[in-house]
Amino acid sequence: MKSVSRRAVLAVLAVPLVPACTAEPKAPPPPDPLAALAEQARKDAAAATALAESNPDLAAIAGEVAKARTAHATALQAEVDRMRPPKTTTSAPPTSSGAKPAPATKATMVEALKAAEKQAGELITTVSRYRAGLLGSVAAGCASLREVVA
């Protein structure tokens, strides 16, 4: 009978353990739905600011829309960052492309607010209660702004 060395036995036993030690990398989580809302709020604020600068008759109203949508973007981005902290050490919010947006018109501002209200409303039932409250506030804010603009 042939003698088996301890090394040979250990080598045979260790082979099945090697794959078990290397875990499959986890799939990245899906994008946070609030991130898209924050980005759209930033775009809406930029368009409203451009409208305020280009149309003195609508400057006050467009300025209020820009201020409110900026607040929406800040609150939404803070929630996104709370749930998924950014990997960088800076806390600056993501920025849109450097191109200055075309000024909105009264009609496009109303449509953008209506779309934001609808999108926030659709997400309410899919998120936690805290996030639902935030989305409800954003949706209500957009509805109020739409009434003021229209």
N, C-alpha and C. Protein backbone atom coordinates (compact mmCIF):
# COMPACT_ATOMS: atom_id res chain seq x y z
N MET A 1 0.83 -1.16 0.00
CA MET A 1 0.00 0.00 0.00
C MET A 1 0.88 1.24 0.00
N LYS A 2 0.52 2.19 -0.79
CA LYS A 2 1.32 3.39 -0.94
C LYS A 2 0.99 4.36 0.18
N SER A 3 1.98 4.96 0.72
CA SER A 3 1.80 5.91 1.82
C SER A 3 1.47 7.29 1.25
N VAL A 4 0.49 7.96 1.86
CA VAL A 4 0.08 9.29 1.42
C VAL A 4 0.61 10.30 2.42
N SER A 5 1.28 11.29 1.89
CA SER A 5 1.83 12.29 2.80
C SER A 5 0.75 13.26 3.26
N ARG A 6 1.01 13.90 4.38
CA ARG A 6 0.06 14.88 4.91
C ARG A 6 -0.11 16.05 3.95
N ARG A 7 0.95 16.45 3.32
CA ARG A 7 0.88 17.56 2.38
C ARG A 7 -0.08 17.26 1.24
N ALA A 8 -0.02 16.07 0.74
CA ALA A 8 -0.89 15.69 -0.37
C ALA A 8 -2.35 15.71 0.07
N VAL A 9 -2.62 15.24 1.27
CA VAL A 9 -3.99 15.25 1.78
C VAL A 9 -4.48 16.68 1.96
N LEU A 10 -3.64 17.53 2.55
CA LEU A 10 -4.02 18.92 2.75
C LEU A 10 -4.23 19.65 1.43
N ALA A 11 -3.42 19.36 0.44
CA ALA A 11 -3.56 20.00 -0.86
C ALA A 11 -4.88 19.61 -1.51
N VAL A 12 -5.24 18.34 -1.39
CA VAL A 12 -6.50 17.87 -1.96
C VAL A 12 -7.69 18.49 -1.23
N LEU A 13 -7.61 18.60 0.08
CA LEU A 13 -8.70 19.19 0.85
C LEU A 13 -8.81 20.69 0.66
N ALA A 14 -7.72 21.38 0.39
CA ALA A 14 -7.73 22.83 0.26
C ALA A 14 -8.28 23.29 -1.08
N VAL A 15 -8.19 22.48 -2.10
CA VAL A 15 -8.63 22.89 -3.44
C VAL A 15 -10.11 23.29 -3.45
N PRO A 16 -11.03 22.52 -2.86
CA PRO A 16 -12.43 22.95 -2.89
C PRO A 16 -12.68 24.22 -2.07
N LEU A 17 -11.83 24.53 -1.13
CA LEU A 17 -12.05 25.71 -0.29
C LEU A 17 -11.68 27.01 -0.97
N VAL A 18 -10.79 26.97 -1.94
CA VAL A 18 -10.33 28.19 -2.59
C VAL A 18 -11.49 28.94 -3.26
N PRO A 19 -12.33 28.32 -4.06
CA PRO A 19 -13.44 29.06 -4.66
C PRO A 19 -14.44 29.57 -3.62
N ALA A 20 -14.58 28.85 -2.53
CA ALA A 20 -15.53 29.28 -1.50
C ALA A 20 -15.06 30.55 -0.81
N CYS A 21 -13.76 30.80 -0.79
CA CYS A 21 -13.22 31.99 -0.13
C CYS A 21 -13.36 33.24 -0.99
N THR A 22 -13.52 33.08 -2.28
CA THR A 22 -13.65 34.24 -3.15
C THR A 22 -15.12 34.45 -3.47
N ALA A 23 -15.68 35.44 -2.85
CA ALA A 23 -17.11 35.72 -3.04
C ALA A 23 -17.34 36.46 -4.35
N GLU A 24 -18.48 36.23 -4.92
CA GLU A 24 -18.88 36.95 -6.12
C GLU A 24 -19.09 38.42 -5.75
N PRO A 25 -18.63 39.34 -6.57
CA PRO A 25 -18.87 40.75 -6.25
C PRO A 25 -20.37 41.05 -6.34
N LYS A 26 -20.83 41.86 -5.39
CA LYS A 26 -22.25 42.20 -5.39
C LYS A 26 -22.55 43.14 -6.55
N ALA A 27 -23.71 42.97 -7.11
CA ALA A 27 -24.14 43.86 -8.18
C ALA A 27 -24.39 45.24 -7.57
N PRO A 28 -24.06 46.30 -8.31
CA PRO A 28 -24.29 47.63 -7.76
C PRO A 28 -25.80 47.86 -7.57
N PRO A 29 -26.16 48.64 -6.56
CA PRO A 29 -27.58 48.89 -6.36
C PRO A 29 -28.15 49.72 -7.52
N PRO A 30 -29.44 49.61 -7.75
CA PRO A 30 -30.03 50.41 -8.83
C PRO A 30 -29.93 51.89 -8.48
N PRO A 31 -30.00 52.75 -9.47
CA PRO A 31 -29.90 54.18 -9.19
C PRO A 31 -31.03 54.62 -8.25
N ASP A 32 -30.71 55.55 -7.38
CA ASP A 32 -31.70 56.08 -6.46
C ASP A 32 -32.71 56.91 -7.26
N PRO A 33 -34.00 56.60 -7.16
CA PRO A 33 -34.98 57.35 -7.95
C PRO A 33 -35.04 58.83 -7.56
N LEU A 34 -34.63 59.16 -6.35
CA LEU A 34 -34.65 60.56 -5.94
C LEU A 34 -33.53 61.36 -6.61
N ALA A 35 -32.48 60.68 -7.07
CA ALA A 35 -31.39 61.37 -7.76
C ALA A 35 -31.88 62.02 -9.05
N ALA A 36 -32.73 61.32 -9.79
CA ALA A 36 -33.28 61.88 -11.03
C ALA A 36 -34.17 63.09 -10.73
N LEU A 37 -34.93 63.00 -9.64
CA LEU A 37 -35.77 64.15 -9.25
C LEU A 37 -34.92 65.35 -8.86
N ALA A 38 -33.82 65.10 -8.16
CA ALA A 38 -32.93 66.19 -7.76
C ALA A 38 -32.31 66.84 -8.99
N GLU A 39 -31.89 66.03 -9.95
CA GLU A 39 -31.30 66.57 -11.18
C GLU A 39 -32.33 67.40 -11.95
N GLN A 40 -33.56 66.90 -12.04
CA GLN A 40 -34.60 67.65 -12.75
C GLN A 40 -34.91 68.95 -12.03
N ALA A 41 -34.91 68.94 -10.71
CA ALA A 41 -35.16 70.17 -9.95
C ALA A 41 -34.06 71.20 -10.21
N ARG A 42 -32.81 70.74 -10.31
CA ARG A 42 -31.72 71.65 -10.64
C ARG A 42 -31.91 72.25 -12.04
N LYS A 43 -32.33 71.42 -13.00
CA LYS A 43 -32.57 71.91 -14.36
C LYS A 43 -33.72 72.91 -14.38
N ASP A 44 -34.79 72.60 -13.65
CA ASP A 44 -35.93 73.52 -13.59
C ASP A 44 -35.52 74.85 -12.98
N ALA A 45 -34.71 74.80 -11.93
CA ALA A 45 -34.25 76.03 -11.29
C ALA A 45 -33.39 76.85 -12.24
N ALA A 46 -32.52 76.20 -13.00
CA ALA A 46 -31.68 76.91 -13.96
C ALA A 46 -32.51 77.54 -15.07
N ALA A 47 -33.51 76.82 -15.55
CA ALA A 47 -34.38 77.36 -16.60
C ALA A 47 -35.20 78.54 -16.07
N ALA A 48 -35.69 78.43 -14.85
CA ALA A 48 -36.46 79.53 -14.25
C ALA A 48 -35.57 80.75 -14.02
N THR A 49 -34.33 80.53 -13.62
CA THR A 49 -33.39 81.64 -13.44
C THR A 49 -33.13 82.33 -14.77
N ALA A 50 -32.94 81.54 -15.82
CA ALA A 50 -32.72 82.11 -17.16
C ALA A 50 -33.95 82.91 -17.60
N LEU A 51 -35.14 82.41 -17.28
CA LEU A 51 -36.37 83.15 -17.63
C LEU A 51 -36.44 84.46 -16.85
N ALA A 52 -36.11 84.42 -15.59
CA ALA A 52 -36.14 85.64 -14.76
C ALA A 52 -35.18 86.69 -15.32
N GLU A 53 -34.03 86.24 -15.82
CA GLU A 53 -33.04 87.17 -16.36
C GLU A 53 -33.44 87.72 -17.73
N SER A 54 -34.19 86.95 -18.49
CA SER A 54 -34.53 87.36 -19.86
C SER A 54 -35.89 88.04 -19.98
N ASN A 55 -36.75 87.91 -18.99
CA ASN A 55 -38.09 88.46 -19.08
C ASN A 55 -38.44 89.21 -17.79
N PRO A 56 -38.27 90.54 -17.79
CA PRO A 56 -38.53 91.30 -16.56
C PRO A 56 -39.96 91.16 -16.05
N ASP A 57 -40.91 90.95 -16.95
CA ASP A 57 -42.31 90.81 -16.51
C ASP A 57 -42.53 89.56 -15.67
N LEU A 58 -41.74 88.52 -15.91
CA LEU A 58 -41.89 87.26 -15.18
C LEU A 58 -40.77 87.04 -14.17
N ALA A 59 -39.94 88.05 -13.97
CA ALA A 59 -38.77 87.89 -13.12
C ALA A 59 -39.13 87.47 -11.70
N ALA A 60 -40.13 88.09 -11.11
CA ALA A 60 -40.49 87.77 -9.72
C ALA A 60 -41.01 86.34 -9.60
N ILE A 61 -41.91 85.96 -10.48
CA ILE A 61 -42.49 84.62 -10.43
C ILE A 61 -41.42 83.57 -10.74
N ALA A 62 -40.65 83.80 -11.80
CA ALA A 62 -39.62 82.84 -12.17
C ALA A 62 -38.56 82.74 -11.08
N GLY A 63 -38.26 83.84 -10.43
CA GLY A 63 -37.30 83.82 -9.34
C GLY A 63 -37.78 82.95 -8.18
N GLU A 64 -39.07 83.02 -7.88
CA GLU A 64 -39.64 82.18 -6.82
C GLU A 64 -39.60 80.71 -7.21
N VAL A 65 -39.89 80.43 -8.47
CA VAL A 65 -39.80 79.04 -8.94
C VAL A 65 -38.37 78.54 -8.82
N ALA A 66 -37.42 79.37 -9.24
CA ALA A 66 -36.01 78.98 -9.15
C ALA A 66 -35.60 78.72 -7.71
N LYS A 67 -36.03 79.59 -6.80
CA LYS A 67 -35.68 79.42 -5.39
C LYS A 67 -36.29 78.14 -4.83
N ALA A 68 -37.55 77.89 -5.12
CA ALA A 68 -38.22 76.70 -4.60
C ALA A 68 -37.64 75.42 -5.20
N ARG A 69 -37.38 75.42 -6.50
CA ARG A 69 -36.83 74.21 -7.13
C ARG A 69 -35.39 73.95 -6.67
N THR A 70 -34.66 75.01 -6.36
CA THR A 70 -33.32 74.83 -5.80
C THR A 70 -33.43 74.19 -4.42
N ALA A 71 -34.39 74.62 -3.62
CA ALA A 71 -34.61 74.01 -2.30
C ALA A 71 -35.01 72.55 -2.45
N HIS A 72 -35.85 72.24 -3.45
CA HIS A 72 -36.24 70.85 -3.70
C HIS A 72 -35.00 70.02 -4.06
N ALA A 73 -34.18 70.55 -4.95
CA ALA A 73 -32.97 69.82 -5.37
C ALA A 73 -32.05 69.57 -4.18
N THR A 74 -31.89 70.56 -3.33
CA THR A 74 -31.02 70.42 -2.17
C THR A 74 -31.55 69.35 -1.22
N ALA A 75 -32.84 69.38 -0.94
CA ALA A 75 -33.44 68.40 -0.02
C ALA A 75 -33.38 66.99 -0.60
N LEU A 76 -33.68 66.86 -1.88
CA LEU A 76 -33.64 65.54 -2.51
C LEU A 76 -32.21 65.00 -2.56
N GLN A 77 -31.26 65.86 -2.91
CA GLN A 77 -29.87 65.41 -2.97
C GLN A 77 -29.35 65.03 -1.59
N ALA A 78 -29.77 65.76 -0.57
CA ALA A 78 -29.35 65.41 0.80
C ALA A 78 -29.86 64.03 1.18
N GLU A 79 -31.07 63.70 0.77
CA GLU A 79 -31.62 62.38 1.07
C GLU A 79 -30.90 61.29 0.28
N VAL A 80 -30.59 61.57 -0.98
CA VAL A 80 -29.83 60.61 -1.78
C VAL A 80 -28.47 60.36 -1.12
N ASP A 81 -27.81 61.43 -0.71
CA ASP A 81 -26.49 61.30 -0.08
C ASP A 81 -26.57 60.62 1.28
N ARG A 82 -27.67 60.80 1.98
CA ARG A 82 -27.84 60.14 3.29
C ARG A 82 -27.94 58.63 3.10
N MET A 83 -28.69 58.21 2.11
CA MET A 83 -28.88 56.78 1.87
C MET A 83 -27.65 56.15 1.22
N ARG A 84 -27.01 56.88 0.35
CA ARG A 84 -25.82 56.37 -0.35
C ARG A 84 -24.75 57.46 -0.31
N PRO A 85 -24.01 57.49 0.78
CA PRO A 85 -23.00 58.56 0.91
C PRO A 85 -22.05 58.59 -0.28
N PRO A 86 -21.76 59.80 -0.75
CA PRO A 86 -20.84 59.90 -1.89
C PRO A 86 -19.47 59.35 -1.50
N LYS A 87 -18.77 58.82 -2.47
CA LYS A 87 -17.46 58.23 -2.22
C LYS A 87 -16.37 59.28 -2.12
N THR A 88 -16.62 60.47 -2.62
CA THR A 88 -15.62 61.52 -2.54
C THR A 88 -15.72 62.23 -1.21
N THR A 89 -14.69 62.98 -0.86
CA THR A 89 -14.69 63.68 0.42
C THR A 89 -15.38 65.02 0.35
N THR A 90 -15.63 65.52 -0.85
CA THR A 90 -16.32 66.80 -0.97
C THR A 90 -17.82 66.55 -0.94
N SER A 91 -18.56 67.51 -0.45
CA SER A 91 -20.00 67.32 -0.35
C SER A 91 -20.75 68.19 -1.35
N ALA A 92 -20.08 68.63 -2.40
CA ALA A 92 -20.75 69.45 -3.40
C ALA A 92 -21.74 68.59 -4.17
N PRO A 93 -22.95 69.13 -4.42
CA PRO A 93 -23.92 68.36 -5.17
C PRO A 93 -23.49 68.21 -6.61
N PRO A 94 -23.96 67.18 -7.27
CA PRO A 94 -23.61 67.02 -8.67
C PRO A 94 -24.11 68.23 -9.46
N THR A 95 -23.37 68.56 -10.48
CA THR A 95 -23.77 69.70 -11.29
C THR A 95 -24.21 69.23 -12.65
N SER A 96 -25.04 70.05 -13.28
CA SER A 96 -25.48 69.74 -14.63
C SER A 96 -24.38 70.15 -15.59
N SER A 97 -24.62 69.94 -16.85
CA SER A 97 -23.63 70.34 -17.84
C SER A 97 -23.40 71.84 -17.77
N GLY A 98 -22.25 72.28 -18.20
CA GLY A 98 -21.88 73.68 -18.08
C GLY A 98 -22.65 74.60 -19.01
N ALA A 99 -23.37 74.07 -19.97
CA ALA A 99 -24.11 74.91 -20.90
C ALA A 99 -25.27 75.59 -20.19
N LYS A 100 -25.43 76.88 -20.49
CA LYS A 100 -26.53 77.63 -19.88
C LYS A 100 -27.84 77.20 -20.54
N PRO A 101 -28.85 76.89 -19.72
CA PRO A 101 -30.10 76.41 -20.31
C PRO A 101 -30.83 77.53 -21.04
N ALA A 102 -31.63 77.13 -22.01
CA ALA A 102 -32.47 78.11 -22.69
C ALA A 102 -33.53 78.56 -21.71
N PRO A 103 -33.87 79.83 -21.73
CA PRO A 103 -34.89 80.30 -20.79
C PRO A 103 -36.21 79.56 -21.02
N ALA A 104 -36.85 79.26 -19.95
CA ALA A 104 -38.16 78.64 -20.03
C ALA A 104 -39.17 79.69 -20.47
N THR A 105 -40.29 79.23 -20.91
CA THR A 105 -41.42 80.12 -21.13
C THR A 105 -42.40 79.82 -20.00
N LYS A 106 -43.40 80.64 -19.91
CA LYS A 106 -44.41 80.40 -18.87
C LYS A 106 -45.01 79.00 -19.05
N ALA A 107 -45.31 78.64 -20.29
CA ALA A 107 -45.92 77.34 -20.58
C ALA A 107 -44.96 76.19 -20.26
N THR A 108 -43.70 76.32 -20.63
CA THR A 108 -42.76 75.22 -20.36
C THR A 108 -42.49 75.09 -18.86
N MET A 109 -42.54 76.21 -18.15
CA MET A 109 -42.35 76.16 -16.70
C MET A 109 -43.52 75.42 -16.05
N VAL A 110 -44.73 75.70 -16.50
CA VAL A 110 -45.91 75.01 -15.97
C VAL A 110 -45.82 73.52 -16.27
N GLU A 111 -45.42 73.16 -17.50
CA GLU A 111 -45.30 71.75 -17.87
C GLU A 111 -44.22 71.05 -17.05
N ALA A 112 -43.10 71.72 -16.82
CA ALA A 112 -42.02 71.12 -16.02
C ALA A 112 -42.49 70.89 -14.59
N LEU A 113 -43.21 71.84 -14.03
CA LEU A 113 -43.72 71.68 -12.66
C LEU A 113 -44.76 70.56 -12.59
N LYS A 114 -45.60 70.46 -13.62
CA LYS A 114 -46.60 69.39 -13.66
C LYS A 114 -45.91 68.03 -13.75
N ALA A 115 -44.87 67.93 -14.58
CA ALA A 115 -44.14 66.67 -14.72
C ALA A 115 -43.43 66.30 -13.41
N ALA A 116 -42.84 67.28 -12.75
CA ALA A 116 -42.15 67.01 -11.48
C ALA A 116 -43.15 66.56 -10.41
N GLU A 117 -44.29 67.21 -10.38
CA GLU A 117 -45.34 66.84 -9.42
C GLU A 117 -45.80 65.40 -9.67
N LYS A 118 -46.01 65.05 -10.93
CA LYS A 118 -46.46 63.71 -11.28
C LYS A 118 -45.40 62.66 -10.93
N GLN A 119 -44.15 62.95 -11.28
CA GLN A 119 -43.07 61.99 -11.01
C GLN A 119 -42.90 61.76 -9.51
N ALA A 120 -42.94 62.83 -8.72
CA ALA A 120 -42.83 62.68 -7.27
C ALA A 120 -44.01 61.90 -6.72
N GLY A 121 -45.20 62.20 -7.21
CA GLY A 121 -46.40 61.50 -6.76
C GLY A 121 -46.38 60.01 -7.06
N GLU A 122 -45.84 59.65 -8.23
CA GLU A 122 -45.78 58.24 -8.60
C GLU A 122 -44.80 57.45 -7.73
N LEU A 123 -43.77 58.12 -7.23
CA LEU A 123 -42.77 57.44 -6.41
C LEU A 123 -43.20 57.27 -4.96
N ILE A 124 -44.17 58.04 -4.51
CA ILE A 124 -44.54 58.04 -3.09
C ILE A 124 -44.84 56.65 -2.55
N THR A 125 -45.55 55.85 -3.31
CA THR A 125 -45.94 54.52 -2.81
C THR A 125 -44.81 53.49 -2.87
N THR A 126 -43.67 53.87 -3.45
CA THR A 126 -42.58 52.91 -3.61
C THR A 126 -41.42 53.13 -2.65
N VAL A 127 -41.54 54.14 -1.78
CA VAL A 127 -40.41 54.49 -0.90
C VAL A 127 -40.85 54.44 0.56
N SER A 128 -39.88 54.61 1.45
CA SER A 128 -40.16 54.61 2.88
C SER A 128 -41.05 55.80 3.26
N ARG A 129 -41.61 55.74 4.45
CA ARG A 129 -42.51 56.82 4.89
C ARG A 129 -41.79 58.17 4.94
N TYR A 130 -40.56 58.18 5.41
CA TYR A 130 -39.82 59.44 5.46
C TYR A 130 -39.65 60.03 4.06
N ARG A 131 -39.22 59.17 3.15
CA ARG A 131 -39.03 59.63 1.77
C ARG A 131 -40.36 60.01 1.13
N ALA A 132 -41.42 59.29 1.47
CA ALA A 132 -42.74 59.63 0.95
C ALA A 132 -43.16 61.03 1.40
N GLY A 133 -42.84 61.37 2.65
CA GLY A 133 -43.14 62.71 3.14
C GLY A 133 -42.38 63.77 2.37
N LEU A 134 -41.12 63.49 2.10
CA LEU A 134 -40.30 64.42 1.32
C LEU A 134 -40.87 64.58 -0.09
N LEU A 135 -41.20 63.47 -0.71
CA LEU A 135 -41.77 63.53 -2.06
C LEU A 135 -43.13 64.23 -2.07
N GLY A 136 -43.93 64.01 -1.02
CA GLY A 136 -45.21 64.70 -0.93
C GLY A 136 -45.02 66.20 -0.83
N SER A 137 -44.01 66.62 -0.09
CA SER A 137 -43.72 68.06 0.02
C SER A 137 -43.27 68.64 -1.32
N VAL A 138 -42.44 67.89 -2.03
CA VAL A 138 -41.99 68.36 -3.34
C VAL A 138 -43.17 68.44 -4.30
N ALA A 139 -44.01 67.42 -4.32
CA ALA A 139 -45.18 67.41 -5.21
C ALA A 139 -46.12 68.57 -4.88
N ALA A 140 -46.37 68.78 -3.59
CA ALA A 140 -47.24 69.90 -3.19
C ALA A 140 -46.62 71.24 -3.54
N GLY A 141 -45.32 71.35 -3.37
CA GLY A 141 -44.64 72.59 -3.74
C GLY A 141 -44.75 72.87 -5.22
N CYS A 142 -44.59 71.83 -6.03
CA CYS A 142 -44.71 72.00 -7.48
C CYS A 142 -46.13 72.39 -7.88
N ALA A 143 -47.12 71.78 -7.22
CA ALA A 143 -48.53 72.12 -7.51
C ALA A 143 -48.80 73.58 -7.15
N SER A 144 -48.29 74.01 -6.02
CA SER A 144 -48.49 75.41 -5.61
C SER A 144 -47.81 76.37 -6.58
N LEU A 145 -46.60 76.05 -6.96
CA LEU A 145 -45.86 76.91 -7.90
C LEU A 145 -46.59 76.95 -9.26
N ARG A 146 -47.12 75.83 -9.66
CA ARG A 146 -47.84 75.78 -10.94
C ARG A 146 -49.04 76.71 -10.91
N GLU A 147 -49.75 76.76 -9.79
CA GLU A 147 -50.90 77.64 -9.66
C GLU A 147 -50.47 79.12 -9.71
N VAL A 148 -49.34 79.41 -9.13
CA VAL A 148 -48.85 80.79 -9.13
C VAL A 148 -48.42 81.22 -10.52
N VAL A 149 -47.75 80.31 -11.23
CA VAL A 149 -47.25 80.63 -12.56
C VAL A 149 -48.37 80.75 -13.58
N ALA A 150 -49.34 79.84 -13.49
CA ALA A 150 -50.43 79.79 -14.48
C ALA A 150 -51.32 80.96 -14.45
